[in-house]
Amino acid sequence: MHYIGIDLAWTYANESGICVIADNGEIGYCESKVFSDEMIAAIVEEYARDGAIVGIDAP
């Protein structure tokens, strides 16, 4: 199980942030950059294979 936090930017000119944390507290992914919708979906898909809770903070 992973916990995925996504902080979406207002526009593609700003950075969005994604952080993935495993049940044991290990950070699997943590990055802040300009993501496309497809990149965000691919990251979520990769880490949600064994189950995930996803929280999204959007403007």
PDB file of N, CA and C in Angstrom:
ATOM      1  N   MET A   1       0.847  -1.172   0.000  1.00  0.00           N
ATOM      2  CA  MET A   1       0.000   0.000   0.000  1.00  0.00           C
ATOM      3  C   MET A   1       0.895   1.238   0.000  1.00  0.00           C
ATOM      4  N   HIS A   2       0.519   2.204  -0.814  1.00  0.00           N
ATOM      5  CA  HIS A   2       1.226   3.480  -0.865  1.00  0.00           C
ATOM      6  C   HIS A   2       0.255   4.615  -0.581  1.00  0.00           C
ATOM      7  N   TYR A   3       0.811   5.709  -0.106  1.00  0.00           N
ATOM      8  CA  TYR A   3       0.078   6.949   0.100  1.00  0.00           C
ATOM      9  C   TYR A   3       0.670   7.956  -0.863  1.00  0.00           C
ATOM     10  N   ILE A   4      -0.171   8.544  -1.711  1.00  0.00           N
ATOM     11  CA  ILE A   4       0.303   9.437  -2.758  1.00  0.00           C
ATOM     12  C   ILE A   4      -0.327  10.802  -2.544  1.00  0.00           C
ATOM     13  N   GLY A   5       0.511  11.808  -2.406  1.00  0.00           N
ATOM     14  CA  GLY A   5       0.052  13.185  -2.273  1.00  0.00           C
ATOM     15  C   GLY A   5       0.405  13.955  -3.523  1.00  0.00           C
ATOM     16  N   ILE A   6      -0.575  14.651  -4.074  1.00  0.00           N
ATOM     17  CA  ILE A   6      -0.362  15.430  -5.289  1.00  0.00           C
ATOM     18  C   ILE A   6      -0.797  16.866  -5.018  1.00  0.00           C
ATOM     19  N   ASP A   7       0.104  17.804  -5.244  1.00  0.00           N
ATOM     20  CA  ASP A   7      -0.194  19.225  -5.110  1.00  0.00           C
ATOM     21  C   ASP A   7      -0.128  19.824  -6.507  1.00  0.00           C
ATOM     22  N   LEU A   8      -1.288  20.039  -7.110  1.00  0.00           N
ATOM     23  CA  LEU A   8      -1.337  20.523  -8.487  1.00  0.00           C
ATOM     24  C   LEU A   8      -1.094  22.027  -8.559  1.00  0.00           C
ATOM     25  N   ALA A   9      -0.368  22.445  -9.583  1.00  0.00           N
ATOM     26  CA  ALA A   9      -0.125  23.861  -9.831  1.00  0.00           C
ATOM     27  C   ALA A   9      -1.313  24.475 -10.565  1.00  0.00           C
ATOM     28  N   TRP A  10      -1.387  25.781 -10.521  1.00  0.00           N
ATOM     29  CA  TRP A  10      -2.465  26.493 -11.207  1.00  0.00           C
ATOM     30  C   TRP A  10      -2.337  26.371 -12.714  1.00  0.00           C
ATOM     31  N   THR A  11      -1.112  26.441 -13.199  1.00  0.00           N
ATOM     32  CA  THR A  11      -0.866  26.397 -14.646  1.00  0.00           C
ATOM     33  C   THR A  11       0.376  25.558 -14.905  1.00  0.00           C
ATOM     34  N   TYR A  12       0.617  25.243 -16.168  1.00  0.00           N
ATOM     35  CA  TYR A  12       1.827  24.505 -16.532  1.00  0.00           C
ATOM     36  C   TYR A  12       3.083  25.353 -16.354  1.00  0.00           C
ATOM     37  N   ALA A  13       2.928  26.645 -16.127  1.00  0.00           N
ATOM     38  CA  ALA A  13       4.084  27.511 -15.892  1.00  0.00           C
ATOM     39  C   ALA A  13       4.651  27.303 -14.485  1.00  0.00           C
ATOM     40  N   ASN A  14       3.845  26.752 -13.575  1.00  0.00           N
ATOM     41  CA  ASN A  14       4.275  26.500 -12.201  1.00  0.00           C
ATOM     42  C   ASN A  14       4.520  25.015 -11.984  1.00  0.00           C
ATOM     43  N   GLU A  15       5.151  24.698 -10.862  1.00  0.00           N
ATOM     44  CA  GLU A  15       5.479  23.308 -10.553  1.00  0.00           C
ATOM     45  C   GLU A  15       4.373  22.642  -9.739  1.00  0.00           C
ATOM     46  N   SER A  16       4.131  21.379 -10.036  1.00  0.00           N
ATOM     47  CA  SER A  16       3.281  20.529  -9.207  1.00  0.00           C
ATOM     48  C   SER A  16       4.206  19.625  -8.397  1.00  0.00           C
ATOM     49  N   GLY A  17       3.713  19.128  -7.289  1.00  0.00           N
ATOM     50  CA  GLY A  17       4.517  18.232  -6.468  1.00  0.00           C
ATOM     51  C   GLY A  17       3.817  16.901  -6.275  1.00  0.00           C
ATOM     52  N   ILE A  18       4.610  15.834  -6.283  1.00  0.00           N
ATOM     53  CA  ILE A  18       4.088  14.493  -6.039  1.00  0.00           C
ATOM     54  C   ILE A  18       5.010  13.802  -5.048  1.00  0.00           C
ATOM     55  N   CYS A  19       4.407  13.195  -4.020  1.00  0.00           N
ATOM     56  CA  CYS A  19       5.182  12.431  -3.047  1.00  0.00           C
ATOM     57  C   CYS A  19       4.470  11.095  -2.812  1.00  0.00           C
ATOM     58  N   VAL A  20       5.254  10.022  -2.811  1.00  0.00           N
ATOM     59  CA  VAL A  20       4.728   8.674  -2.582  1.00  0.00           C
ATOM     60  C   VAL A  20       5.428   8.090  -1.361  1.00  0.00           C
ATOM     61  N   ILE A  21       4.643   7.644  -0.395  1.00  0.00           N
ATOM     62  CA  ILE A  21       5.189   7.064   0.827  1.00  0.00           C
ATOM     63  C   ILE A  21       4.594   5.673   1.011  1.00  0.00           C
ATOM     64  N   ALA A  22       5.448   4.706   1.314  1.00  0.00           N
ATOM     65  CA  ALA A  22       5.011   3.329   1.555  1.00  0.00           C
ATOM     66  C   ALA A  22       4.516   3.173   2.991  1.00  0.00           C
ATOM     67  N   ASP A  23       3.857   2.050   3.272  1.00  0.00           N
ATOM     68  CA  ASP A  23       3.371   1.755   4.628  1.00  0.00           C
ATOM     69  C   ASP A  23       4.462   1.848   5.684  1.00  0.00           C
ATOM     70  N   ASN A  24       5.676   1.460   5.316  1.00  0.00           N
ATOM     71  CA  ASN A  24       6.777   1.465   6.281  1.00  0.00           C
ATOM     72  C   ASN A  24       7.427   2.836   6.443  1.00  0.00           C
ATOM     73  N   GLY A  25       6.890   3.859   5.765  1.00  0.00           N
ATOM     74  CA  GLY A  25       7.412   5.214   5.886  1.00  0.00           C
ATOM     75  C   GLY A  25       8.477   5.569   4.864  1.00  0.00           C
ATOM     76  N   GLU A  26       8.867   4.618   4.048  1.00  0.00           N
ATOM     77  CA  GLU A  26       9.890   4.870   3.035  1.00  0.00           C
ATOM     78  C   GLU A  26       9.321   5.742   1.914  1.00  0.00           C
ATOM     79  N   ILE A  27      10.078   6.766   1.552  1.00  0.00           N
ATOM     80  CA  ILE A  27       9.670   7.640   0.458  1.00  0.00           C
ATOM     81  C   ILE A  27      10.083   6.990  -0.852  1.00  0.00           C
ATOM     82  N   GLY A  28       9.094   6.671  -1.686  1.00  0.00           N
ATOM     83  CA  GLY A  28       9.365   6.009  -2.957  1.00  0.00           C
ATOM     84  C   GLY A  28       9.561   6.985  -4.088  1.00  0.00           C
ATOM     85  N   TYR A  29       8.959   8.166  -3.956  1.00  0.00           N
ATOM     86  CA  TYR A  29       9.052   9.167  -5.017  1.00  0.00           C
ATOM     87  C   TYR A  29       8.725  10.517  -4.400  1.00  0.00           C
ATOM     88  N   CYS A  30       9.499  11.507  -4.698  1.00  0.00           N
ATOM     89  CA  CYS A  30       9.226  12.856  -4.215  1.00  0.00           C
ATOM     90  C   CYS A  30       9.847  13.836  -5.193  1.00  0.00           C
ATOM     91  N   GLU A  31       9.008  14.564  -5.905  1.00  0.00           N
ATOM     92  CA  GLU A  31       9.516  15.441  -6.961  1.00  0.00           C
ATOM     93  C   GLU A  31       8.585  16.636  -7.113  1.00  0.00           C
ATOM     94  N   SER A  32       9.170  17.754  -7.421  1.00  0.00           N
ATOM     95  CA  SER A  32       8.410  18.960  -7.705  1.00  0.00           C
ATOM     96  C   SER A  32       8.914  19.521  -9.029  1.00  0.00           C
ATOM     97  N   LYS A  33       8.072  19.441 -10.036  1.00  0.00           N
ATOM     98  CA  LYS A  33       8.411  19.983 -11.344  1.00  0.00           C
ATOM     99  C   LYS A  33       7.121  20.149 -12.141  1.00  0.00           C
ATOM    100  N   VAL A  34       7.242  20.561 -13.363  1.00  0.00           N
ATOM    101  CA  VAL A  34       6.059  20.727 -14.200  1.00  0.00           C
ATOM    102  C   VAL A  34       5.692  19.372 -14.782  1.00  0.00           C
ATOM    103  N   PHE A  35       4.541  18.854 -14.374  1.00  0.00           N
ATOM    104  CA  PHE A  35       4.068  17.544 -14.815  1.00  0.00           C
ATOM    105  C   PHE A  35       2.908  17.723 -15.786  1.00  0.00           C
ATOM    106  N   SER A  36       2.853  16.882 -16.791  1.00  0.00           N
ATOM    107  CA  SER A  36       1.661  16.822 -17.633  1.00  0.00           C
ATOM    108  C   SER A  36       0.657  15.896 -16.947  1.00  0.00           C
ATOM    109  N   ASP A  37      -0.585  15.954 -17.377  1.00  0.00           N
ATOM    110  CA  ASP A  37      -1.598  15.051 -16.825  1.00  0.00           C
ATOM    111  C   ASP A  37      -1.197  13.596 -17.034  1.00  0.00           C
ATOM    112  N   GLU A  38      -0.613  13.304 -18.188  1.00  0.00           N
ATOM    113  CA  GLU A  38      -0.187  11.938 -18.500  1.00  0.00           C
ATOM    114  C   GLU A  38       0.928  11.472 -17.577  1.00  0.00           C
ATOM    115  N   MET A  39       1.865  12.368 -17.239  1.00  0.00           N
ATOM    116  CA  MET A  39       2.951  12.009 -16.317  1.00  0.00           C
ATOM    117  C   MET A  39       2.399  11.705 -14.932  1.00  0.00           C
ATOM    118  N   ILE A  40       1.458  12.520 -14.474  1.00  0.00           N
ATOM    119  CA  ILE A  40       0.853  12.304 -13.158  1.00  0.00           C
ATOM    120  C   ILE A  40       0.132  10.961 -13.131  1.00  0.00           C
ATOM    121  N   ALA A  41      -0.643  10.678 -14.163  1.00  0.00           N
ATOM    122  CA  ALA A  41      -1.375   9.408 -14.234  1.00  0.00           C
ATOM    123  C   ALA A  41      -0.419   8.222 -14.248  1.00  0.00           C
ATOM    124  N   ALA A  42       0.703   8.326 -14.957  1.00  0.00           N
ATOM    125  CA  ALA A  42       1.673   7.227 -15.028  1.00  0.00           C
ATOM    126  C   ALA A  42       2.324   6.975 -13.670  1.00  0.00           C
ATOM    127  N   ILE A  43       2.635   8.034 -12.937  1.00  0.00           N
ATOM    128  CA  ILE A  43       3.244   7.880 -11.608  1.00  0.00           C
ATOM    129  C   ILE A  43       2.250   7.218 -10.652  1.00  0.00           C
ATOM    130  N   VAL A  44       1.011   7.680 -10.665  1.00  0.00           N
ATOM    131  CA  VAL A  44      -0.018   7.079  -9.803  1.00  0.00           C
ATOM    132  C   VAL A  44      -0.226   5.615 -10.171  1.00  0.00           C
ATOM    133  N   GLU A  45      -0.310   5.334 -11.456  1.00  0.00           N
ATOM    134  CA  GLU A  45      -0.505   3.951 -11.901  1.00  0.00           C
ATOM    135  C   GLU A  45       0.635   3.044 -11.440  1.00  0.00           C
ATOM    136  N   GLU A  46       1.853   3.543 -11.532  1.00  0.00           N
ATOM    137  CA  GLU A  46       3.026   2.744 -11.132  1.00  0.00           C
ATOM    138  C   GLU A  46       2.988   2.376  -9.651  1.00  0.00           C
ATOM    139  N   TYR A  47       2.652   3.331  -8.801  1.00  0.00           N
ATOM    140  CA  TYR A  47       2.716   3.097  -7.361  1.00  0.00           C
ATOM    141  C   TYR A  47       1.409   2.565  -6.772  1.00  0.00           C
ATOM    142  N   ALA A  48       0.322   2.591  -7.533  1.00  0.00           N
ATOM    143  CA  ALA A  48      -0.965   2.135  -7.010  1.00  0.00           C
ATOM    144  C   ALA A  48      -1.253   0.677  -7.333  1.00  0.00           C
ATOM    145  N   ARG A  49      -0.323  -0.032  -7.901  1.00  0.00           N
ATOM    146  CA  ARG A  49      -0.555  -1.432  -8.289  1.00  0.00           C
ATOM    147  C   ARG A  49      -0.921  -2.319  -7.103  1.00  0.00           C
ATOM    148  N   ASP A  50      -0.332  -2.047  -5.940  1.00  0.00           N
ATOM    149  CA  ASP A  50      -0.607  -2.849  -4.743  1.00  0.00           C
ATOM    150  C   ASP A  50      -1.586  -2.144  -3.814  1.00  0.00           C
ATOM    151  N   GLY A  51      -2.275  -1.164  -4.333  1.00  0.00           N
ATOM    152  CA  GLY A  51      -3.226  -0.379  -3.538  1.00  0.00           C
ATOM    153  C   GLY A  51      -2.628   0.946  -3.137  1.00  0.00           C
ATOM    154  N   ALA A  52      -3.458   1.969  -3.110  1.00  0.00           N
ATOM    155  CA  ALA A  52      -2.979   3.301  -2.730  1.00  0.00           C
ATOM    156  C   ALA A  52      -4.138   4.171  -2.267  1.00  0.00           C
ATOM    157  N   ILE A  53      -3.778   5.113  -1.425  1.00  0.00           N
ATOM    158  CA  ILE A  53      -4.679   6.189  -1.067  1.00  0.00           C
ATOM    159  C   ILE A  53      -4.067   7.446  -1.659  1.00  0.00           C
ATOM    160  N   VAL A  54      -4.862   8.174  -2.439  1.00  0.00           N
ATOM    161  CA  VAL A  54      -4.360   9.347  -3.142  1.00  0.00           C
ATOM    162  C   VAL A  54      -5.079  10.592  -2.631  1.00  0.00           C
ATOM    163  N   GLY A  55      -4.297  11.576  -2.232  1.00  0.00           N
ATOM    164  CA  GLY A  55      -4.849  12.871  -1.832  1.00  0.00           C
ATOM    165  C   GLY A  55      -4.406  13.920  -2.822  1.00  0.00           C
ATOM    166  N   ILE A  56      -5.360  14.758  -3.263  1.00  0.00           N
ATOM    167  CA  ILE A  56      -5.049  15.776  -4.261  1.00  0.00           C
ATOM    168  C   ILE A  56      -5.436  17.144  -3.716  1.00  0.00           C
ATOM    169  N   ASP A  57      -4.480  18.062  -3.737  1.00  0.00           N
ATOM    170  CA  ASP A  57      -4.711  19.449  -3.375  1.00  0.00           C
ATOM    171  C   ASP A  57      -4.684  20.231  -4.675  1.00  0.00           C
ATOM    172  N   ALA A  58      -5.808  20.777  -5.064  1.00  0.00           N
ATOM    173  CA  ALA A  58      -5.897  21.474  -6.344  1.00  0.00           C
ATOM    174  C   ALA A  58      -6.457  22.866  -6.144  1.00  0.00           C
ATOM    175  N   PRO A  59      -6.006  23.813  -6.955  1.00  0.00           N
ATOM    176  CA  PRO A  59      -6.538  25.178  -6.868  1.00  0.00           C
ATOM    177  C   PRO A  59      -7.979  25.234  -7.342  1.00  0.00           C
TER     178      PRO A  59
END
